[in-house]
Amino acid sequence: MVKTNYNISMAIDIFVKERIMKTCIYARKSTNNLGQKETLQNQIDLCKYKSKEFGLEIVDIKTDTGTGTDDNNRPEVKELIDDAINGKYQCVIMKGISRFYRDTEKGLALIKLLDRYGIRVITIEENFDSREQRTGTGKLDTSRITMYLMFAEMESKKTADRVKFQQMESARKGVWTHGKPPFGYRRNDDSKKLEIVEHEAEVIRYIFELYSQGYGVRTITLILNGENNEKKVYLAPVNTWKHDTVTYALNNRTYAGDIIYNQRSSRENLFKKNHKLKMDKRDSWKGLTKNKKQDWVIADDAHPAIIDRELYDSVQRMLKTKSSNRGIKRNFSLFAGIGKCGVCGSGLTLKKMKINKKAPRQSYYYCVKYTKYGKNFCSNHRIEEGQLEKVVLENLKSLHSNPDILKQFMEDKYSKIEDRLKNKKNDQEKIRLRITELTKKVDLLLEKNLNGDITDLQFNKMNQKYSVELDELTSKLEKTVVVNESEGKENSKNENFLRAKKALEKVTDYDKMDKEEKRVLLIDLVKSVTLISEDTESIKIDIEYNFEL
């Protein structure tokens, strides 16, 4: 009899052990702050405590350190799924669903994937248990967890938007929020603005000076690294100067005293060659993608400039010219890269032609598209090289010799800018009112759902509709951000006028210059020359200048 009891007891123990689920704890920290380490341990301790209540056996702990990433490539998530599918454990427990995912679609997809393989998912905060949350037919009931995932996603987006707007506001005030300052600057702990480090700034000035004199990036790099008459090695950001660091310095607008924010945004992208990387075709990566220029937030004169505006702008035009394969020494067309066709928008090309038998061969500017593809793509309009040069030069000399004409020209530009700003402010106010209205509707919708006035299905449908519109409006609001106008507006106008007047002084020596010097001057002063015409008889020339306002 005693022996029989012993055998029954052993059988019960074996049965209980087989029923105990091997479990993995999943914990994630959302930032790199030191306080998050304690949060991570708190998550693990809570999961261990609750596991005892559920009768679970902890066999593994996954701690996710992929801060700020919501893509499918977090190694801890992949490892967790692979281990679960391969039978290492039968249950996953976590503090809250927001730890696992803050994207409704992806979060649901992962929970369903685990459920298909019989993996139990428990979230403590939401009191969700995939073994208990089943429909009448035994399928996983996702209505409740969907709602919590949507709340987590909305909260995540709101937090991200708040942080982004705070950073953009700081940028407009001239506060440095970009991390490590560029070589030549340091961040003042009190003002939180950049200040010049003089011994580093000297090197930056030398780089711009060399480039403006015609030295290429490769030559400048060699000079800085000691290949010069004095064999002097110049101070570098990291060890030695490289081609990339010199190019970065020449393109960095921070050296002109400005701060640019929102140049890039974090976006999700599919890998282009997933098969070569041994990844699933749906695998994606989340990285920085360049935004459109109109979406940038620019704070002019936010800190002391290392490079004066005139030199910086001149270097940018030279860089742009070379990058478009239009080097000054290789191309002797004065208006290459400047001339535009007003009919189709293409560039102009210079060709030597004999218009009639009696006239000598002369150089004419033609539309590139017409010369390549014929009259079916653009019209046959042309202008003689000397005639175009004469018109542009007369306009430049008129602006230089007559300050009233220059002032009127700049006033017209200011008027157009002010009209654009006014329209942007009106659009911004309309968007804000609509966002406030939608936010109230979302709050009311949630209240109705909690009170049982509407079903979860109705809530999800309406909330999805509002969320899409809110995302679109938030995106529009970022694009209509209006930079605050400077208090010294009249002073700014006067400075721009004097800068333009100074730049035009070089026009007086135009006739004494060789062709290369003329080309450099035109690049410096003229942004574009557009031929607006349908034929060769009536050609209108529209000139846009490089004067900064």
Protein backbone atom coordinates (compact mmCIF):
# COMPACT_ATOMS: atom_id res chain seq x y z
CA MET A 1 0.00 0.00 0.00
CA VAL A 2 2.82 2.38 0.89
CA LYS A 3 4.60 1.49 -2.37
CA THR A 4 1.46 2.32 -4.36
CA ASN A 5 1.23 5.79 -2.76
CA TYR A 6 4.88 6.40 -3.64
CA ASN A 7 4.25 5.55 -7.31
CA ILE A 8 1.20 7.85 -7.47
CA SER A 9 3.23 10.68 -5.91
CA MET A 10 6.01 10.20 -8.46
CA ALA A 11 3.48 10.27 -11.32
CA ILE A 12 1.95 13.50 -10.01
CA ASP A 13 5.41 15.12 -9.77
CA ILE A 14 6.23 14.10 -13.34
CA PHE A 15 2.85 15.39 -14.57
CA VAL A 16 3.33 18.75 -12.81
CA LYS A 17 6.86 19.14 -14.22
CA GLU A 18 5.60 18.46 -17.73
CA ARG A 19 2.89 21.11 -17.27
CA ILE A 20 5.33 23.79 -16.06
CA MET A 21 6.12 26.04 -19.01
CA LYS A 22 9.70 26.97 -19.76
CA THR A 23 9.62 30.74 -20.01
CA CYS A 24 11.71 33.62 -21.35
CA ILE A 25 11.59 37.10 -19.82
CA TYR A 26 11.80 39.96 -22.34
CA ALA A 27 12.92 43.39 -21.04
CA ARG A 28 13.88 46.46 -23.02
CA LYS A 29 15.33 49.88 -22.23
CA SER A 30 14.11 52.70 -24.46
CA THR A 31 16.99 55.16 -24.00
CA ASN A 32 20.66 55.18 -23.11
CA ASN A 33 20.09 57.11 -19.87
CA LEU A 34 21.76 55.65 -16.79
CA GLY A 35 18.39 55.45 -15.04
CA GLN A 36 17.18 52.99 -17.66
CA LYS A 37 19.50 50.30 -16.21
CA GLU A 38 17.43 50.33 -13.01
CA THR A 39 14.23 50.23 -15.09
CA LEU A 40 15.55 47.19 -16.93
CA GLN A 41 16.21 45.35 -13.65
CA ASN A 42 12.79 46.38 -12.32
CA GLN A 43 11.16 44.84 -15.40
CA ILE A 44 13.04 41.56 -14.84
CA ASP A 45 12.21 41.47 -11.10
CA LEU A 46 8.50 42.09 -11.78
CA CYS A 47 8.40 39.36 -14.44
CA LYS A 48 10.11 36.89 -12.08
CA TYR A 49 7.59 37.68 -9.33
CA LYS A 50 4.59 37.23 -11.65
CA SER A 51 6.07 34.04 -13.13
CA LYS A 52 5.75 32.38 -9.73
CA GLU A 53 2.04 33.23 -9.66
CA PHE A 54 1.57 31.67 -13.10
CA GLY A 55 3.71 28.66 -12.18
CA LEU A 56 6.30 29.37 -14.90
CA GLU A 57 9.93 28.27 -15.00
CA ILE A 58 12.34 31.01 -16.12
CA VAL A 59 14.99 29.52 -18.41
CA ASP A 60 16.18 32.63 -20.27
CA ILE A 61 16.18 36.45 -20.09
CA LYS A 62 16.42 38.65 -23.17
CA THR A 63 17.42 42.26 -22.60
CA ASP A 64 17.01 44.47 -25.65
CA THR A 65 19.52 47.32 -25.93
CA GLY A 66 18.52 48.45 -29.43
CA THR A 67 17.48 51.89 -28.22
CA GLY A 68 15.03 53.83 -30.29
CA THR A 69 14.65 51.17 -33.00
CA ASP A 70 11.26 49.80 -33.99
CA ASP A 71 12.34 47.62 -36.92
CA ASN A 72 12.28 43.88 -37.34
CA ASN A 73 16.04 43.59 -37.16
CA ARG A 74 16.59 43.97 -33.43
CA PRO A 75 18.84 40.96 -32.76
CA GLU A 76 17.27 40.25 -29.35
CA VAL A 77 13.76 40.01 -30.90
CA LYS A 78 14.99 37.75 -33.69
CA GLU A 79 16.82 35.53 -31.20
CA LEU A 80 13.74 35.36 -28.96
CA ILE A 81 11.50 34.27 -31.86
CA ASP A 82 14.02 31.71 -33.17
CA ASP A 83 14.57 30.17 -29.72
CA ALA A 84 10.81 29.97 -29.07
CA ILE A 85 10.08 28.36 -32.44
CA ASN A 86 12.91 25.88 -31.90
CA GLY A 87 11.33 24.75 -28.60
CA LYS A 88 13.71 26.35 -26.11
CA TYR A 89 10.69 27.71 -24.21
CA GLN A 90 6.91 27.73 -24.49
CA CYS A 91 6.10 31.12 -22.97
CA VAL A 92 7.29 34.76 -23.22
CA ILE A 93 6.52 37.19 -20.39
CA MET A 94 7.12 40.94 -20.37
CA LYS A 95 6.16 43.96 -18.28
CA GLY A 96 4.14 45.71 -20.99
CA ILE A 97 3.45 45.46 -24.69
CA SER A 98 5.14 48.85 -25.25
CA ARG A 99 8.43 47.15 -24.24
CA PHE A 100 8.00 44.70 -27.11
CA TYR A 101 6.67 46.98 -29.85
CA ARG A 102 5.21 50.46 -30.33
CA ASP A 103 3.94 49.73 -33.81
CA THR A 104 0.46 48.20 -33.95
CA GLU A 105 0.89 46.26 -37.19
CA LYS A 106 4.30 44.79 -36.31
CA GLY A 107 3.39 44.06 -32.70
CA LEU A 108 0.29 42.11 -33.73
CA ALA A 109 2.23 40.23 -36.42
CA LEU A 110 4.82 39.02 -33.89
CA ILE A 111 2.22 37.98 -31.30
CA LYS A 112 0.31 36.04 -33.97
CA LEU A 113 3.54 34.41 -35.17
CA LEU A 114 4.37 33.22 -31.65
CA ASP A 115 0.80 32.01 -31.16
CA ARG A 116 0.92 29.97 -34.38
CA TYR A 117 3.82 28.02 -32.90
CA GLY A 118 1.97 27.54 -29.62
CA ILE A 119 4.03 30.10 -27.69
CA ARG A 120 2.14 31.71 -24.84
CA VAL A 121 2.54 35.51 -24.53
CA ILE A 122 1.90 37.30 -21.21
CA THR A 123 2.01 41.09 -20.68
CA ILE A 124 1.66 42.14 -17.05
CA GLU A 125 0.54 45.78 -17.40
CA GLU A 126 -2.28 44.96 -19.84
CA ASN A 127 -3.21 41.72 -18.02
CA PHE A 128 -2.99 39.99 -21.40
CA ASP A 129 -2.53 36.22 -21.65
CA SER A 130 -2.70 34.69 -25.12
CA ARG A 131 -3.78 31.35 -23.58
CA GLU A 132 -6.82 33.00 -21.99
CA GLN A 133 -7.68 35.59 -24.66
CA ARG A 134 -9.38 33.24 -27.14
CA THR A 135 -12.54 33.48 -29.25
CA GLY A 136 -15.40 30.97 -29.16
CA THR A 137 -13.72 28.99 -31.96
CA GLY A 138 -10.41 28.86 -30.08
CA LYS A 139 -8.60 31.49 -32.17
CA LEU A 140 -6.48 34.23 -30.61
CA ASP A 141 -8.62 37.26 -29.66
CA THR A 142 -6.51 40.29 -30.59
CA SER A 143 -9.07 43.05 -30.01
CA ARG A 144 -7.81 43.95 -26.55
CA ILE A 145 -4.09 43.81 -27.29
CA THR A 146 -4.69 45.78 -30.53
CA MET A 147 -6.13 48.64 -28.52
CA TYR A 148 -3.15 48.66 -26.14
CA LEU A 149 -0.71 48.52 -29.06
CA MET A 150 -2.46 51.50 -30.65
CA PHE A 151 -2.24 53.45 -27.38
CA ALA A 152 1.50 52.62 -27.15
CA GLU A 153 2.05 53.70 -30.77
CA MET A 154 0.15 56.96 -30.32
CA GLU A 155 2.02 57.79 -27.12
CA SER A 156 5.34 57.00 -28.80
CA LYS A 157 4.54 59.30 -31.72
CA LYS A 158 3.37 62.09 -29.41
CA THR A 159 6.58 61.83 -27.38
CA ALA A 160 8.70 61.83 -30.55
CA ASP A 161 6.84 64.88 -31.89
CA ARG A 162 7.23 66.75 -28.59
CA VAL A 163 10.97 66.06 -28.53
CA LYS A 164 11.34 67.03 -32.19
CA PHE A 165 9.46 70.32 -31.79
CA GLN A 166 11.52 71.17 -28.68
CA GLN A 167 14.72 70.55 -30.64
CA MET A 168 13.45 72.62 -33.57
CA GLU A 169 12.54 75.48 -31.23
CA SER A 170 16.02 75.28 -29.68
CA ALA A 171 17.54 75.37 -33.16
CA ARG A 172 15.55 78.51 -34.03
CA LYS A 173 16.93 80.16 -30.88
CA GLY A 174 20.47 79.26 -31.91
CA VAL A 175 20.99 76.59 -29.24
CA TRP A 176 23.33 73.79 -30.34
CA THR A 177 21.45 70.47 -30.13
CA HIS A 178 23.43 68.45 -32.70
CA GLY A 179 25.81 66.59 -30.38
CA LYS A 180 29.54 67.13 -30.76
CA PRO A 181 30.33 70.59 -32.24
CA PRO A 182 32.28 70.72 -35.52
CA PHE A 183 36.06 71.25 -35.51
CA GLY A 184 36.72 74.93 -34.70
CA TYR A 185 33.90 75.28 -32.15
CA ARG A 186 33.00 74.26 -28.62
CA ARG A 187 29.65 74.43 -26.83
CA ASN A 188 29.26 76.97 -24.04
CA ASP A 189 27.67 75.19 -21.06
CA ASP A 190 25.88 78.34 -19.90
CA SER A 191 24.44 79.76 -23.14
CA LYS A 192 24.34 76.32 -24.85
CA LYS A 193 25.55 78.09 -28.00
CA LEU A 194 28.72 77.57 -30.01
CA GLU A 195 31.85 79.63 -29.46
CA ILE A 196 35.03 79.72 -31.53
CA VAL A 197 38.15 77.72 -30.62
CA GLU A 198 40.65 80.05 -32.24
CA HIS A 199 43.60 77.68 -32.87
CA GLU A 200 41.24 75.25 -34.64
CA ALA A 201 39.37 78.02 -36.47
CA GLU A 202 42.64 79.17 -38.08
CA VAL A 203 42.87 75.83 -39.90
CA ILE A 204 39.26 76.09 -41.15
CA ARG A 205 39.93 79.61 -42.48
CA TYR A 206 43.04 78.33 -44.26
CA ILE A 207 41.02 75.54 -45.93
CA PHE A 208 38.45 78.02 -47.31
CA GLU A 209 41.19 80.41 -48.40
CA LEU A 210 43.02 77.67 -50.33
CA TYR A 211 39.85 76.47 -52.05
CA SER A 212 38.83 80.00 -53.06
CA GLN A 213 42.28 80.38 -54.67
CA GLY A 214 41.61 77.38 -56.90
CA TYR A 215 43.21 74.50 -54.97
CA GLY A 216 41.30 71.21 -55.15
CA VAL A 217 40.20 69.13 -52.14
CA ARG A 218 42.89 66.49 -52.76
CA THR A 219 45.66 69.14 -52.91
CA ILE A 220 44.37 70.88 -49.77
CA THR A 221 44.38 67.52 -47.93
CA LEU A 222 48.04 66.96 -48.87
CA ILE A 223 49.01 70.50 -47.80
CA LEU A 224 47.33 70.10 -44.40
CA ASN A 225 49.10 66.78 -43.82
CA GLY A 226 52.57 68.28 -44.29
CA GLU A 227 53.18 68.40 -48.04
CA ASN A 228 53.99 72.12 -48.06
CA ASN A 229 57.14 74.27 -48.14
CA GLU A 230 57.34 74.51 -44.33
CA LYS A 231 56.58 70.78 -43.91
CA LYS A 232 53.98 71.92 -41.39
CA VAL A 233 51.32 69.43 -40.31
CA TYR A 234 48.08 71.18 -39.42
CA LEU A 235 45.84 70.25 -36.48
CA ALA A 236 43.07 67.87 -37.54
CA PRO A 237 39.75 66.72 -35.96
CA VAL A 238 41.03 63.12 -35.78
CA ASN A 239 44.72 62.25 -36.33
CA THR A 240 45.16 63.40 -39.97
CA TRP A 241 43.14 65.27 -42.55
CA LYS A 242 41.30 63.19 -45.14
CA HIS A 243 39.49 64.01 -48.37
CA ASP A 244 36.09 63.51 -46.68
CA THR A 245 36.85 65.75 -43.68
CA VAL A 246 38.03 68.61 -45.93
CA THR A 247 34.92 68.25 -48.12
CA TYR A 248 32.70 68.18 -45.01
CA ALA A 249 34.33 71.37 -43.69
CA LEU A 250 33.84 73.20 -47.00
CA ASN A 251 30.14 72.24 -47.12
CA ASN A 252 29.41 72.89 -43.43
CA ARG A 253 27.17 75.94 -43.07
CA THR A 254 27.86 76.03 -39.33
CA TYR A 255 31.13 77.83 -40.16
CA ALA A 256 29.10 80.72 -41.64
CA GLY A 257 27.35 81.15 -38.26
CA ASP A 258 24.13 79.26 -39.06
CA ILE A 259 22.47 76.19 -37.56
CA ILE A 260 20.40 73.84 -39.73
CA TYR A 261 18.05 71.36 -38.10
CA ASN A 262 15.83 68.66 -39.61
CA GLN A 263 18.14 68.00 -42.56
CA ARG A 264 17.59 64.27 -42.03
CA SER A 265 14.85 62.17 -40.46
CA SER A 266 14.74 58.59 -39.26
CA ARG A 267 12.76 56.46 -41.70
CA GLU A 268 12.22 52.77 -42.27
CA ASN A 269 13.65 51.35 -45.52
CA LEU A 270 13.82 47.91 -47.08
CA PHE A 271 17.26 46.42 -47.69
CA LYS A 272 18.09 46.58 -51.40
CA LYS A 273 19.99 43.27 -51.49
CA ASN A 274 18.36 41.14 -48.81
CA HIS A 275 19.33 37.86 -50.50
CA LYS A 276 23.03 38.77 -50.40
CA LEU A 277 22.77 39.86 -46.78
CA LYS A 278 21.01 36.56 -45.94
CA MET A 279 17.90 38.39 -44.80
CA ASP A 280 14.20 37.99 -45.43
CA LYS A 281 12.87 40.14 -48.26
CA ARG A 282 10.66 41.97 -45.73
CA ASP A 283 13.57 42.85 -43.44
CA SER A 284 14.08 46.56 -43.10
CA TRP A 285 16.45 49.04 -41.55
CA LYS A 286 15.72 52.30 -39.84
CA GLY A 287 18.17 55.07 -40.62
CA LEU A 288 18.62 58.74 -41.47
CA THR A 289 17.23 59.89 -44.82
CA LYS A 290 17.80 63.39 -46.19
CA ASN A 291 14.74 65.69 -46.06
CA LYS A 292 13.73 68.18 -48.71
CA LYS A 293 15.39 71.57 -48.37
CA GLN A 294 12.07 73.34 -47.73
CA ASP A 295 11.62 71.19 -44.60
CA TRP A 296 14.87 72.37 -42.99
CA VAL A 297 14.80 74.68 -39.95
CA ILE A 298 17.50 77.32 -40.34
CA ALA A 299 18.72 79.72 -37.64
CA ASP A 300 20.82 82.39 -39.34
CA ASP A 301 23.67 84.03 -37.41
CA ALA A 302 23.08 81.75 -34.41
CA HIS A 303 26.72 81.96 -33.27
CA PRO A 304 30.00 83.72 -34.24
CA ALA A 305 31.05 82.83 -37.80
CA ILE A 306 34.51 81.46 -38.56
CA ILE A 307 34.03 82.14 -42.29
CA ASP A 308 32.43 85.38 -43.47
CA ARG A 309 29.27 85.02 -45.52
CA GLU A 310 30.73 86.33 -48.77
CA LEU A 311 33.60 83.83 -48.82
CA TYR A 312 31.35 80.94 -47.75
CA ASP A 313 28.78 81.63 -50.50
CA SER A 314 31.53 81.99 -53.09
CA VAL A 315 33.03 78.62 -52.12
CA GLN A 316 29.59 76.95 -52.27
CA ARG A 317 29.07 78.17 -55.83
CA MET A 318 32.50 76.86 -56.82
CA LEU A 319 31.73 73.48 -55.21
CA LYS A 320 28.39 73.27 -56.99
CA THR A 321 30.00 74.11 -60.31
CA LYS A 322 32.67 71.42 -59.96
CA SER A 323 30.23 68.79 -58.67
CA SER A 324 28.12 69.27 -61.80
CA ASN A 325 31.19 68.56 -63.93
CA ARG A 326 31.43 72.19 -64.98
CA GLY A 327 34.93 73.11 -63.83
CA ILE A 328 36.09 76.62 -64.60
CA LYS A 329 39.30 75.53 -66.32
CA ARG A 330 37.65 72.80 -68.38
CA ASN A 331 34.63 74.75 -69.62
CA PHE A 332 35.03 78.07 -71.41
CA SER A 333 31.35 78.79 -71.85
CA LEU A 334 30.68 81.79 -69.63
CA PHE A 335 27.12 80.75 -68.82
CA ALA A 336 27.58 76.97 -68.49
CA GLY A 337 25.40 75.80 -65.61
CA ILE A 338 23.88 79.29 -65.33
CA GLY A 339 21.96 79.51 -68.61
CA LYS A 340 18.46 77.96 -68.61
CA CYS A 341 15.80 77.40 -71.26
CA GLY A 342 12.57 79.11 -70.22
CA VAL A 343 10.46 76.84 -72.42
CA CYS A 344 11.43 73.35 -71.19
CA GLY A 345 13.68 74.10 -68.19
CA SER A 346 16.81 72.45 -69.64
CA GLY A 347 20.26 74.01 -69.63
CA LEU A 348 21.87 75.94 -72.51
CA THR A 349 24.72 74.70 -74.64
CA LEU A 350 27.15 76.79 -76.71
CA LYS A 351 27.50 75.86 -80.40
CA LYS A 352 29.35 77.49 -83.26
CA MET A 353 26.95 77.93 -86.17
CA LYS A 354 26.79 79.67 -89.55
CA ILE A 355 23.30 81.14 -89.74
CA ASN A 356 23.59 82.14 -93.43
CA LYS A 357 26.15 81.89 -96.18
CA LYS A 358 27.33 85.50 -95.95
CA ALA A 359 27.66 85.68 -92.13
CA PRO A 360 30.72 84.21 -90.41
CA ARG A 361 30.50 81.31 -87.95
CA GLN A 362 29.46 82.56 -84.49
CA SER A 363 28.83 81.00 -81.09
CA TYR A 364 25.18 80.74 -80.07
CA TYR A 365 23.43 79.46 -76.93
CA TYR A 366 20.82 76.80 -77.74
CA CYS A 367 18.49 74.72 -75.58
CA VAL A 368 20.23 71.41 -74.80
CA LYS A 369 17.03 69.41 -75.32
CA TYR A 370 16.48 70.98 -78.76
CA THR A 371 20.04 70.21 -79.94
CA LYS A 372 19.74 66.58 -78.71
CA TYR A 373 16.16 65.65 -79.64
CA GLY A 374 14.92 68.26 -82.11
CA LYS A 375 11.85 70.47 -82.46
CA ASN A 376 9.45 67.85 -81.09
CA PHE A 377 10.89 68.44 -77.61
CA CYS A 378 11.66 72.19 -77.62
CA SER A 379 11.70 75.21 -79.96
CA ASN A 380 14.64 76.49 -82.01
CA HIS A 381 15.47 79.65 -80.09
CA ARG A 382 19.00 80.91 -79.73
CA ILE A 383 21.01 83.95 -78.69
CA GLU A 384 24.50 84.97 -79.75
CA GLU A 385 27.15 84.53 -77.03
CA GLY A 386 28.32 88.17 -77.09
CA GLN A 387 24.75 89.50 -77.03
CA LEU A 388 23.85 87.51 -73.90
CA GLU A 389 27.06 88.58 -72.17
CA LYS A 390 26.33 92.22 -73.05
CA VAL A 391 22.78 92.11 -71.62
CA VAL A 392 23.89 90.48 -68.35
CA LEU A 393 26.85 92.87 -67.95
CA GLU A 394 24.65 95.94 -68.57
CA ASN A 395 22.24 94.77 -65.87
CA LEU A 396 25.07 94.21 -63.39
CA LYS A 397 26.61 97.62 -64.14
CA SER A 398 23.18 99.26 -63.78
CA LEU A 399 22.75 97.72 -60.31
CA HIS A 400 26.24 98.84 -59.33
CA SER A 401 26.05 102.41 -60.60
CA ASN A 402 22.49 103.12 -59.46
CA PRO A 403 21.86 102.33 -55.75
CA ASP A 404 18.13 103.12 -56.14
CA ILE A 405 17.69 100.35 -58.71
CA LEU A 406 19.54 97.91 -56.43
CA LYS A 407 17.42 98.93 -53.44
CA GLN A 408 14.20 98.53 -55.43
CA PHE A 409 15.34 95.12 -56.66
CA MET A 410 16.02 93.96 -53.09
CA GLU A 411 12.76 95.46 -51.78
CA ASP A 412 10.82 93.45 -54.37
CA LYS A 413 12.60 90.31 -53.14
CA TYR A 414 11.77 91.16 -49.51
CA SER A 415 8.12 91.73 -50.41
CA LYS A 416 7.86 88.27 -52.00
CA ILE A 417 9.50 86.66 -48.95
CA GLU A 418 7.11 88.44 -46.57
CA ASP A 419 4.10 87.28 -48.61
CA ARG A 420 5.33 83.68 -48.40
CA LEU A 421 5.84 83.98 -44.63
CA LYS A 422 2.34 85.43 -44.18
CA ASN A 423 0.79 82.57 -46.14
CA LYS A 424 2.79 80.04 -44.11
CA LYS A 425 1.58 81.55 -40.82
CA ASN A 426 -2.05 81.36 -41.98
CA ASP A 427 -1.62 77.72 -43.03
CA GLN A 428 0.05 76.94 -39.72
CA GLU A 429 -2.85 78.40 -37.71
CA LYS A 430 -5.42 76.39 -39.69
CA ILE A 431 -3.47 73.16 -39.15
CA ARG A 432 -3.13 73.78 -35.40
CA LEU A 433 -6.87 74.36 -35.04
CA ARG A 434 -7.61 71.12 -36.88
CA ILE A 435 -5.10 69.18 -34.73
CA THR A 436 -6.78 70.52 -31.56
CA GLU A 437 -10.17 69.51 -32.93
CA LEU A 438 -9.00 65.98 -33.80
CA THR A 439 -7.28 65.52 -30.42
CA LYS A 440 -10.57 66.31 -28.67
CA LYS A 441 -12.37 63.80 -30.91
CA VAL A 442 -9.82 61.07 -30.07
CA ASP A 443 -10.23 61.75 -26.33
CA LEU A 444 -14.02 61.60 -26.66
CA LEU A 445 -13.77 58.39 -28.71
CA LEU A 446 -11.63 56.74 -26.03
CA GLU A 447 -14.06 57.81 -23.31
CA LYS A 448 -16.99 56.29 -25.24
CA ASN A 449 -15.08 53.04 -25.71
CA LEU A 450 -14.22 52.78 -22.02
CA ASN A 451 -17.86 53.48 -21.09
CA GLY A 452 -19.05 50.75 -23.47
CA ASP A 453 -20.91 53.17 -25.76
CA ILE A 454 -18.97 51.92 -28.81
CA THR A 455 -17.37 48.56 -29.57
CA ASP A 456 -13.63 47.94 -29.89
CA LEU A 457 -14.13 47.46 -33.62
CA GLN A 458 -15.82 50.85 -33.97
CA PHE A 459 -13.11 52.43 -31.82
CA ASN A 460 -10.29 50.93 -33.92
CA LYS A 461 -11.88 52.03 -37.18
CA MET A 462 -12.47 55.65 -36.12
CA ASN A 463 -9.18 55.92 -34.24
CA GLN A 464 -7.28 54.70 -37.31
CA LYS A 465 -9.00 57.37 -39.39
CA TYR A 466 -8.11 60.12 -36.91
CA SER A 467 -4.54 58.85 -36.48
CA VAL A 468 -3.87 58.97 -40.23
CA GLU A 469 -5.16 62.54 -40.45
CA LEU A 470 -3.18 63.60 -37.34
CA ASP A 471 0.02 62.17 -38.85
CA GLU A 472 -0.60 64.04 -42.09
CA LEU A 473 -1.34 67.30 -40.27
CA THR A 474 1.75 66.96 -38.04
CA SER A 475 3.88 66.43 -41.13
CA LYS A 476 2.33 69.51 -42.78
CA LEU A 477 2.90 71.56 -39.62
CA GLU A 478 6.61 70.73 -39.66
CA LYS A 479 6.80 71.85 -43.30
CA THR A 480 5.10 75.18 -42.54
CA VAL A 481 7.36 76.10 -39.60
CA VAL A 482 8.06 79.82 -39.85
CA VAL A 483 11.43 80.98 -38.59
CA ASN A 484 11.04 83.99 -36.32
CA GLU A 485 12.07 87.21 -38.02
CA SER A 486 15.07 88.94 -36.47
CA GLU A 487 14.39 92.01 -34.35
CA GLY A 488 16.91 94.10 -36.27
CA LYS A 489 15.13 93.67 -39.59
CA GLU A 490 16.14 97.06 -40.97
CA ASN A 491 19.76 96.49 -39.92
CA SER A 492 19.65 93.14 -41.71
CA LYS A 493 18.36 94.84 -44.88
CA ASN A 494 21.11 97.42 -44.75
CA GLU A 495 23.76 94.75 -44.27
CA ASN A 496 22.44 92.77 -47.24
CA PHE A 497 22.38 95.92 -49.37
CA LEU A 498 25.98 96.78 -48.48
CA ARG A 499 27.05 93.18 -49.11
CA ALA A 500 25.45 93.20 -52.56
CA LYS A 501 26.95 96.59 -53.36
CA LYS A 502 30.41 95.37 -52.37
CA ALA A 503 30.07 92.23 -54.51
CA LEU A 504 29.08 94.37 -57.51
CA GLU A 505 32.22 96.54 -57.24
CA LYS A 506 34.18 93.88 -59.15
CA VAL A 507 32.01 94.56 -62.23
CA THR A 508 34.01 97.74 -62.94
CA ASP A 509 37.08 95.62 -63.79
CA TYR A 510 35.15 93.17 -66.00
CA ASP A 511 36.63 94.39 -69.30
CA LYS A 512 40.17 93.89 -67.96
CA MET A 513 39.53 90.25 -66.95
CA ASP A 514 40.39 87.16 -68.97
CA LYS A 515 37.66 84.63 -69.73
CA GLU A 516 38.31 82.47 -66.67
CA GLU A 517 38.15 85.51 -64.34
CA LYS A 518 34.90 86.61 -66.00
CA ARG A 519 33.48 83.12 -65.49
CA VAL A 520 34.36 83.20 -61.76
CA LEU A 521 32.71 86.62 -61.37
CA LEU A 522 29.52 85.50 -63.13
CA ILE A 523 29.26 82.39 -60.96
CA ASP A 524 29.66 84.63 -57.92
CA LEU A 525 26.99 87.19 -58.90
CA VAL A 526 24.48 85.40 -61.14
CA LYS A 527 22.35 82.44 -60.08
CA SER A 528 20.62 81.85 -63.43
CA VAL A 529 19.99 83.44 -66.83
CA THR A 530 16.76 82.19 -68.42
CA LEU A 531 15.83 82.62 -72.08
CA ILE A 532 12.05 82.93 -72.33
CA SER A 533 11.00 82.59 -75.96
CA GLU A 534 9.23 80.43 -78.50
CA ASP A 535 11.35 81.68 -81.41
CA THR A 536 14.54 83.59 -82.22
CA GLU A 537 12.74 86.88 -83.01
CA SER A 538 11.45 87.75 -79.52
CA ILE A 539 13.70 86.61 -76.68
CA LYS A 540 13.18 87.78 -73.12
CA ILE A 541 16.08 87.35 -70.69
CA ASP A 542 15.29 86.81 -67.00
CA ILE A 543 18.26 87.18 -64.62
CA GLU A 544 18.29 85.87 -61.06
CA TYR A 545 21.13 87.06 -58.83
CA ASN A 546 23.01 85.44 -55.97
CA PHE A 547 22.44 88.30 -53.52
CA GLU A 548 21.45 86.76 -50.16
CA LEU A 549 18.51 88.35 -48.33
